[in-house]
Amino acid sequence: MIRKSGVNSLVVAMAVGVSALCLLAGATPARAQSGDEIEQGRDLVQINCGKCHAVGEADASPHHDAPAFRKLSDSFPMDALEEAFSDGRIYSGHPDMPEFIATPEQVDAIIAYIASLQG
């Protein structure tokens, strides 16, 4: 499990890009989310993040230090995640977390998908 002090650097690190994208959570974004956008986000995180993170509704993270996307809002508010990803860079201080670059549309899709998982 990631210590609370490591969550902020990990989340900033997870500004998921599409060479391999990742994460978000919390409140509903200000803009509407389409089913297509959520589906695109799901596809992006399954391909690029699923090797380490639990990206579904009930799966376990393959990497013990990688938080489940459905629980991100427990540690990090959605609006802060959107801001962290706003430049399209997803990176972390965690040595196993690669840095990724995503288009604004990909970041929006990833955030929409992760937001859809939050309970």
C-alpha atoms as a PDB file:
ATOM      1  CA  MET A   1       0.000   0.000   0.000  1.00  0.00           C
ATOM      2  CA  ILE A   2       1.233   3.495  -0.772  1.00  0.00           C
ATOM      3  CA  ARG A   3       1.847   5.744   2.191  1.00  0.00           C
ATOM      4  CA  LYS A   4      -0.208   8.947   2.282  1.00  0.00           C
ATOM      5  CA  SER A   5       2.965  11.026   1.761  1.00  0.00           C
ATOM      6  CA  GLY A   6       3.706   9.117  -1.436  1.00  0.00           C
ATOM      7  CA  VAL A   7       0.234   9.485  -2.899  1.00  0.00           C
ATOM      8  CA  ASN A   8       0.690  13.058  -4.166  1.00  0.00           C
ATOM      9  CA  SER A   9       3.869  12.295  -6.081  1.00  0.00           C
ATOM     10  CA  LEU A  10       2.354   9.097  -7.429  1.00  0.00           C
ATOM     11  CA  VAL A  11      -0.791  10.839  -8.611  1.00  0.00           C
ATOM     12  CA  VAL A  12       1.176  13.601 -10.290  1.00  0.00           C
ATOM     13  CA  ALA A  13       3.150  10.814 -11.845  1.00  0.00           C
ATOM     14  CA  MET A  14       0.011   9.227 -13.121  1.00  0.00           C
ATOM     15  CA  ALA A  15      -0.924  11.990 -15.525  1.00  0.00           C
ATOM     16  CA  VAL A  16      -1.255   9.128 -17.931  1.00  0.00           C
ATOM     17  CA  GLY A  17       0.050   9.595 -21.490  1.00  0.00           C
ATOM     18  CA  VAL A  18      -0.509   7.393 -24.462  1.00  0.00           C
ATOM     19  CA  SER A  19       2.531   5.571 -24.854  1.00  0.00           C
ATOM     20  CA  ALA A  20       0.950   4.140 -21.742  1.00  0.00           C
ATOM     21  CA  LEU A  21      -1.657   6.138 -19.818  1.00  0.00           C
ATOM     22  CA  CYS A  22      -2.994   6.216 -16.285  1.00  0.00           C
ATOM     23  CA  LEU A  23      -5.569   7.674 -13.566  1.00  0.00           C
ATOM     24  CA  LEU A  24      -8.132   9.927 -11.570  1.00  0.00           C
ATOM     25  CA  ALA A  25     -11.020  10.226  -9.200  1.00  0.00           C
ATOM     26  CA  GLY A  26     -13.388  12.062  -6.964  1.00  0.00           C
ATOM     27  CA  ALA A  27     -16.139  14.414  -8.046  1.00  0.00           C
ATOM     28  CA  THR A  28     -17.831  14.480 -11.401  1.00  0.00           C
ATOM     29  CA  PRO A  29     -16.018  16.655 -13.927  1.00  0.00           C
ATOM     30  CA  ALA A  30     -17.624  19.965 -14.873  1.00  0.00           C
ATOM     31  CA  ARG A  31     -18.154  18.884 -18.482  1.00  0.00           C
ATOM     32  CA  ALA A  32     -20.373  16.077 -19.685  1.00  0.00           C
ATOM     33  CA  GLN A  33     -18.883  12.655 -20.261  1.00  0.00           C
ATOM     34  CA  SER A  34     -20.056  10.640 -23.233  1.00  0.00           C
ATOM     35  CA  GLY A  35     -20.205   6.879 -23.293  1.00  0.00           C
ATOM     36  CA  ASP A  36     -17.689   6.893 -26.152  1.00  0.00           C
ATOM     37  CA  GLU A  37     -15.253   9.032 -24.161  1.00  0.00           C
ATOM     38  CA  ILE A  38     -15.515   6.736 -21.133  1.00  0.00           C
ATOM     39  CA  GLU A  39     -15.011   3.684 -23.355  1.00  0.00           C
ATOM     40  CA  GLN A  40     -11.950   5.271 -24.972  1.00  0.00           C
ATOM     41  CA  GLY A  41     -10.549   6.038 -21.505  1.00  0.00           C
ATOM     42  CA  ARG A  42     -11.166   2.444 -20.414  1.00  0.00           C
ATOM     43  CA  ASP A  43      -9.325   1.135 -23.460  1.00  0.00           C
ATOM     44  CA  LEU A  44      -6.385   3.494 -22.857  1.00  0.00           C
ATOM     45  CA  VAL A  45      -5.965   2.551 -19.203  1.00  0.00           C
ATOM     46  CA  GLN A  46      -6.404  -1.177 -19.832  1.00  0.00           C
ATOM     47  CA  ILE A  47      -3.643  -1.129 -22.438  1.00  0.00           C
ATOM     48  CA  ASN A  48      -1.289   1.332 -20.764  1.00  0.00           C
ATOM     49  CA  CYS A  49      -1.949   1.087 -17.042  1.00  0.00           C
ATOM     50  CA  GLY A  50      -3.418  -2.350 -16.400  1.00  0.00           C
ATOM     51  CA  LYS A  51      -0.023  -4.044 -16.106  1.00  0.00           C
ATOM     52  CA  CYS A  52       0.386  -2.357 -12.711  1.00  0.00           C
ATOM     53  CA  HIS A  53      -2.935  -0.773 -11.688  1.00  0.00           C
ATOM     54  CA  ALA A  54      -6.347  -2.245 -11.022  1.00  0.00           C
ATOM     55  CA  VAL A  55      -8.346  -0.434 -13.699  1.00  0.00           C
ATOM     56  CA  GLY A  56     -11.711  -2.142 -13.332  1.00  0.00           C
ATOM     57  CA  GLU A  57     -14.528  -2.211 -10.819  1.00  0.00           C
ATOM     58  CA  ALA A  58     -13.261  -5.125  -8.721  1.00  0.00           C
ATOM     59  CA  ASP A  59      -9.800  -6.255  -9.882  1.00  0.00           C
ATOM     60  CA  ALA A  60      -6.600  -6.205  -7.819  1.00  0.00           C
ATOM     61  CA  SER A  61      -3.543  -4.192  -8.797  1.00  0.00           C
ATOM     62  CA  PRO A  62      -0.835  -6.487 -10.215  1.00  0.00           C
ATOM     63  CA  HIS A  63       1.819  -4.184  -8.680  1.00  0.00           C
ATOM     64  CA  HIS A  64       1.412  -3.979  -4.902  1.00  0.00           C
ATOM     65  CA  ASP A  65       2.309  -0.246  -4.792  1.00  0.00           C
ATOM     66  CA  ALA A  66      -0.030   0.768  -7.632  1.00  0.00           C
ATOM     67  CA  PRO A  67      -3.362   2.120  -6.388  1.00  0.00           C
ATOM     68  CA  ALA A  68      -6.622   0.860  -7.836  1.00  0.00           C
ATOM     69  CA  PHE A  69      -8.156   3.532 -10.059  1.00  0.00           C
ATOM     70  CA  ARG A  70     -11.574   3.036  -8.429  1.00  0.00           C
ATOM     71  CA  LYS A  71     -10.087   4.181  -5.092  1.00  0.00           C
ATOM     72  CA  LEU A  72      -8.165   7.237  -6.262  1.00  0.00           C
ATOM     73  CA  SER A  73     -10.791   9.645  -4.938  1.00  0.00           C
ATOM     74  CA  ASP A  74     -10.139   8.296  -1.441  1.00  0.00           C
ATOM     75  CA  SER A  75      -6.733  10.001  -1.527  1.00  0.00           C
ATOM     76  CA  PHE A  76      -6.835  12.643  -4.220  1.00  0.00           C
ATOM     77  CA  PRO A  77      -9.634  15.003  -5.299  1.00  0.00           C
ATOM     78  CA  MET A  78     -10.713  14.874  -8.946  1.00  0.00           C
ATOM     79  CA  ASP A  79     -10.182  18.558  -9.646  1.00  0.00           C
ATOM     80  CA  ALA A  80      -6.590  18.302  -8.409  1.00  0.00           C
ATOM     81  CA  LEU A  81      -6.011  15.317 -10.685  1.00  0.00           C
ATOM     82  CA  GLU A  82      -7.386  17.196 -13.680  1.00  0.00           C
ATOM     83  CA  GLU A  83      -5.003  20.039 -12.907  1.00  0.00           C
ATOM     84  CA  ALA A  84      -2.057  17.651 -12.490  1.00  0.00           C
ATOM     85  CA  PHE A  85      -2.783  16.108 -15.905  1.00  0.00           C
ATOM     86  CA  SER A  86      -3.512  19.394 -17.656  1.00  0.00           C
ATOM     87  CA  ASP A  87      -0.131  19.507 -19.396  1.00  0.00           C
ATOM     88  CA  GLY A  88      -0.577  15.983 -20.777  1.00  0.00           C
ATOM     89  CA  ARG A  89       2.338  14.598 -18.765  1.00  0.00           C
ATOM     90  CA  ILE A  90       1.887  11.701 -16.423  1.00  0.00           C
ATOM     91  CA  TYR A  91       4.837  10.974 -14.221  1.00  0.00           C
ATOM     92  CA  SER A  92       5.674   9.926 -10.679  1.00  0.00           C
ATOM     93  CA  GLY A  93       8.447   9.934  -8.173  1.00  0.00           C
ATOM     94  CA  HIS A  94       7.900   6.187  -7.902  1.00  0.00           C
ATOM     95  CA  PRO A  95      10.810   4.371  -9.585  1.00  0.00           C
ATOM     96  CA  ASP A  96       8.534   1.833 -11.325  1.00  0.00           C
ATOM     97  CA  MET A  97       6.189   4.443 -12.795  1.00  0.00           C
ATOM     98  CA  PRO A  98       7.087   5.406 -16.350  1.00  0.00           C
ATOM     99  CA  GLU A  99       6.466   8.916 -17.679  1.00  0.00           C
ATOM    100  CA  PHE A 100       3.854   9.200 -20.400  1.00  0.00           C
ATOM    101  CA  ILE A 101       2.578  11.909 -22.708  1.00  0.00           C
ATOM    102  CA  ALA A 102      -1.099  12.112 -23.688  1.00  0.00           C
ATOM    103  CA  THR A 103      -3.130  14.350 -25.929  1.00  0.00           C
ATOM    104  CA  PRO A 104      -5.707  16.568 -24.207  1.00  0.00           C
ATOM    105  CA  GLU A 105      -8.457  14.333 -25.613  1.00  0.00           C
ATOM    106  CA  GLN A 106      -6.783  11.216 -24.195  1.00  0.00           C
ATOM    107  CA  VAL A 107      -6.370  12.858 -20.792  1.00  0.00           C
ATOM    108  CA  ASP A 108     -10.068  13.828 -20.846  1.00  0.00           C
ATOM    109  CA  ALA A 109     -11.045  10.257 -21.756  1.00  0.00           C
ATOM    110  CA  ILE A 110      -8.875   8.766 -19.015  1.00  0.00           C
ATOM    111  CA  ILE A 111     -10.266  11.150 -16.411  1.00  0.00           C
ATOM    112  CA  ALA A 112     -13.830  10.444 -17.571  1.00  0.00           C
ATOM    113  CA  TYR A 113     -13.245   6.704 -17.220  1.00  0.00           C
ATOM    114  CA  ILE A 114     -11.606   6.940 -13.807  1.00  0.00           C
ATOM    115  CA  ALA A 115     -14.372   9.275 -12.599  1.00  0.00           C
ATOM    116  CA  SER A 116     -16.951   6.700 -13.765  1.00  0.00           C
ATOM    117  CA  LEU A 117     -15.349   4.146 -11.408  1.00  0.00           C
ATOM    118  CA  GLN A 118     -15.584   6.289  -8.291  1.00  0.00           C
ATOM    119  CA  GLY A 119     -18.203   5.108  -5.861  1.00  0.00           C
END
